[in-house]
Amino acid sequence: MFSTGQLIFAGCFVVAFIVLMIFSYRKDIKLHRKYYKGSIFILVGFIVFILLLFALKTYLQPE
């Protein structure tokens, strides 16, 4: 399916991407704490909403 070179490139790309994302996040952590304070509640709200939709779908699904 994939050649050995493609798999090596994909592995190196994933590792480099993750390292750069961690480095960038660490660099901007003070700004994140200042400007995105309380954003965890929005994430929790989205998760609850999706779980509610899933529960309604399974509950209202005809058997």
N, C-alpha and C. Protein backbone atom coordinates (compact mmCIF):
# COMPACT_ATOMS: atom_id res chain seq x y z
N MET A 1 0.83 -1.18 0.00
CA MET A 1 0.00 0.00 0.00
C MET A 1 0.88 1.26 0.00
N PHE A 2 1.74 1.41 0.99
CA PHE A 2 2.67 2.54 1.04
C PHE A 2 4.09 1.99 0.95
N SER A 3 4.96 2.76 0.31
CA SER A 3 6.36 2.34 0.24
C SER A 3 7.06 2.66 1.57
N THR A 4 8.23 2.08 1.74
CA THR A 4 8.98 2.30 2.98
C THR A 4 9.36 3.77 3.13
N GLY A 5 9.72 4.40 2.05
CA GLY A 5 10.08 5.82 2.09
C GLY A 5 8.91 6.70 2.51
N GLN A 6 7.72 6.37 2.02
CA GLN A 6 6.53 7.15 2.40
C GLN A 6 6.23 6.98 3.88
N LEU A 7 6.37 5.77 4.40
CA LEU A 7 6.11 5.53 5.82
C LEU A 7 7.14 6.26 6.69
N ILE A 8 8.39 6.26 6.28
CA ILE A 8 9.42 6.98 7.03
C ILE A 8 9.14 8.47 7.02
N PHE A 9 8.79 9.01 5.86
CA PHE A 9 8.46 10.43 5.76
C PHE A 9 7.27 10.77 6.65
N ALA A 10 6.22 9.95 6.63
CA ALA A 10 5.04 10.21 7.44
C ALA A 10 5.40 10.19 8.93
N GLY A 11 6.20 9.23 9.34
CA GLY A 11 6.62 9.16 10.73
C GLY A 11 7.41 10.38 11.16
N CYS A 12 8.38 10.78 10.32
CA CYS A 12 9.18 11.97 10.64
C CYS A 12 8.31 13.23 10.66
N PHE A 13 7.38 13.33 9.74
CA PHE A 13 6.50 14.49 9.68
C PHE A 13 5.64 14.58 10.94
N VAL A 14 5.07 13.46 11.37
CA VAL A 14 4.22 13.45 12.56
C VAL A 14 5.02 13.85 13.79
N VAL A 15 6.21 13.29 13.95
CA VAL A 15 7.04 13.62 15.11
C VAL A 15 7.42 15.10 15.09
N ALA A 16 7.84 15.62 13.94
CA ALA A 16 8.23 17.03 13.84
C ALA A 16 7.04 17.94 14.09
N PHE A 17 5.88 17.58 13.58
CA PHE A 17 4.68 18.40 13.77
C PHE A 17 4.31 18.47 15.24
N ILE A 18 4.33 17.34 15.93
CA ILE A 18 3.98 17.31 17.35
C ILE A 18 4.98 18.12 18.17
N VAL A 19 6.27 17.97 17.87
CA VAL A 19 7.29 18.73 18.60
C VAL A 19 7.10 20.23 18.39
N LEU A 20 6.85 20.65 17.16
CA LEU A 20 6.64 22.08 16.88
C LEU A 20 5.37 22.61 17.55
N MET A 21 4.31 21.81 17.59
CA MET A 21 3.08 22.25 18.26
C MET A 21 3.30 22.42 19.76
N ILE A 22 4.02 21.49 20.38
CA ILE A 22 4.31 21.60 21.81
C ILE A 22 5.18 22.82 22.07
N PHE A 23 6.19 23.04 21.24
CA PHE A 23 7.07 24.20 21.40
C PHE A 23 6.28 25.51 21.26
N SER A 24 5.41 25.59 20.27
CA SER A 24 4.62 26.80 20.06
C SER A 24 3.66 27.04 21.22
N TYR A 25 3.03 25.98 21.71
CA TYR A 25 2.10 26.13 22.82
C TYR A 25 2.84 26.60 24.07
N ARG A 26 4.00 26.02 24.35
CA ARG A 26 4.77 26.43 25.53
C ARG A 26 5.20 27.89 25.42
N LYS A 27 5.51 28.33 24.22
CA LYS A 27 5.94 29.70 24.01
C LYS A 27 4.81 30.69 24.30
N ASP A 28 3.58 30.34 23.99
CA ASP A 28 2.44 31.24 24.12
C ASP A 28 1.56 30.94 25.34
N ILE A 29 2.04 30.18 26.29
CA ILE A 29 1.18 29.74 27.39
C ILE A 29 0.69 30.91 28.25
N LYS A 30 1.48 31.95 28.40
CA LYS A 30 1.03 33.11 29.20
C LYS A 30 -0.12 33.82 28.50
N LEU A 31 -0.03 33.95 27.18
CA LEU A 31 -1.13 34.60 26.45
C LEU A 31 -2.39 33.75 26.50
N HIS A 32 -2.24 32.44 26.42
CA HIS A 32 -3.40 31.55 26.48
C HIS A 32 -4.11 31.68 27.81
N ARG A 33 -3.35 31.75 28.89
CA ARG A 33 -3.97 31.88 30.21
C ARG A 33 -4.69 33.21 30.37
N LYS A 34 -4.16 34.26 29.72
CA LYS A 34 -4.76 35.59 29.84
C LYS A 34 -6.02 35.72 28.99
N TYR A 35 -5.97 35.32 27.74
CA TYR A 35 -7.07 35.59 26.81
C TYR A 35 -8.10 34.48 26.70
N TYR A 36 -7.75 33.27 27.06
CA TYR A 36 -8.67 32.14 26.90
C TYR A 36 -9.11 31.57 28.23
N LYS A 37 -9.15 32.43 29.26
CA LYS A 37 -9.59 32.00 30.58
C LYS A 37 -11.07 31.65 30.52
N GLY A 38 -11.44 30.49 31.03
CA GLY A 38 -12.84 30.08 31.04
C GLY A 38 -13.30 29.36 29.78
N SER A 39 -12.40 29.16 28.83
CA SER A 39 -12.82 28.49 27.59
C SER A 39 -13.10 27.00 27.80
N ILE A 40 -12.66 26.45 28.93
CA ILE A 40 -12.93 25.05 29.22
C ILE A 40 -14.43 24.80 29.35
N PHE A 41 -15.16 25.80 29.82
CA PHE A 41 -16.60 25.65 29.98
C PHE A 41 -17.30 25.53 28.62
N ILE A 42 -16.77 26.21 27.62
CA ILE A 42 -17.33 26.10 26.27
C ILE A 42 -17.09 24.70 25.73
N LEU A 43 -15.90 24.16 25.96
CA LEU A 43 -15.60 22.80 25.53
C LEU A 43 -16.52 21.79 26.22
N VAL A 44 -16.70 21.95 27.52
CA VAL A 44 -17.60 21.05 28.26
C VAL A 44 -19.02 21.18 27.72
N GLY A 45 -19.45 22.39 27.41
CA GLY A 45 -20.78 22.60 26.84
C GLY A 45 -20.96 21.88 25.52
N PHE A 46 -19.97 21.97 24.64
CA PHE A 46 -20.04 21.27 23.36
C PHE A 46 -20.11 19.75 23.55
N ILE A 47 -19.31 19.23 24.47
CA ILE A 47 -19.31 17.79 24.71
C ILE A 47 -20.65 17.35 25.26
N VAL A 48 -21.22 18.11 26.19
CA VAL A 48 -22.53 17.77 26.74
C VAL A 48 -23.59 17.82 25.66
N PHE A 49 -23.53 18.82 24.79
CA PHE A 49 -24.50 18.95 23.70
C PHE A 49 -24.42 17.75 22.75
N ILE A 50 -23.22 17.34 22.39
CA ILE A 50 -23.06 16.20 21.49
C ILE A 50 -23.55 14.92 22.14
N LEU A 51 -23.25 14.74 23.43
CA LEU A 51 -23.75 13.57 24.15
C LEU A 51 -25.27 13.57 24.24
N LEU A 52 -25.86 14.75 24.43
CA LEU A 52 -27.31 14.86 24.47
C LEU A 52 -27.92 14.49 23.12
N LEU A 53 -27.33 14.97 22.03
CA LEU A 53 -27.82 14.60 20.70
C LEU A 53 -27.72 13.09 20.46
N PHE A 54 -26.61 12.50 20.87
CA PHE A 54 -26.42 11.06 20.72
C PHE A 54 -27.45 10.29 21.54
N ALA A 55 -27.71 10.74 22.77
CA ALA A 55 -28.69 10.07 23.62
C ALA A 55 -30.09 10.18 23.03
N LEU A 56 -30.44 11.34 22.51
CA LEU A 56 -31.75 11.51 21.87
C LEU A 56 -31.88 10.63 20.64
N LYS A 57 -30.82 10.54 19.86
CA LYS A 57 -30.85 9.73 18.66
C LYS A 57 -31.08 8.25 19.01
N THR A 58 -30.38 7.77 20.00
CA THR A 58 -30.54 6.35 20.37
C THR A 58 -31.88 6.10 21.05
N TYR A 59 -32.39 7.07 21.78
CA TYR A 59 -33.66 6.92 22.47
C TYR A 59 -34.84 6.98 21.49
N LEU A 60 -34.77 7.84 20.50
CA LEU A 60 -35.88 8.03 19.57
C LEU A 60 -35.80 7.13 18.34
N GLN A 61 -34.75 6.36 18.23
CA GLN A 61 -34.59 5.48 17.07
C GLN A 61 -35.61 4.34 17.13
N PRO A 62 -36.35 4.14 16.04
CA PRO A 62 -37.32 3.04 16.03
C PRO A 62 -36.63 1.68 16.03
N GLU A 63 -37.25 0.75 16.69
CA GLU A 63 -36.65 -0.59 16.79
C GLU A 63 -37.13 -1.51 15.75
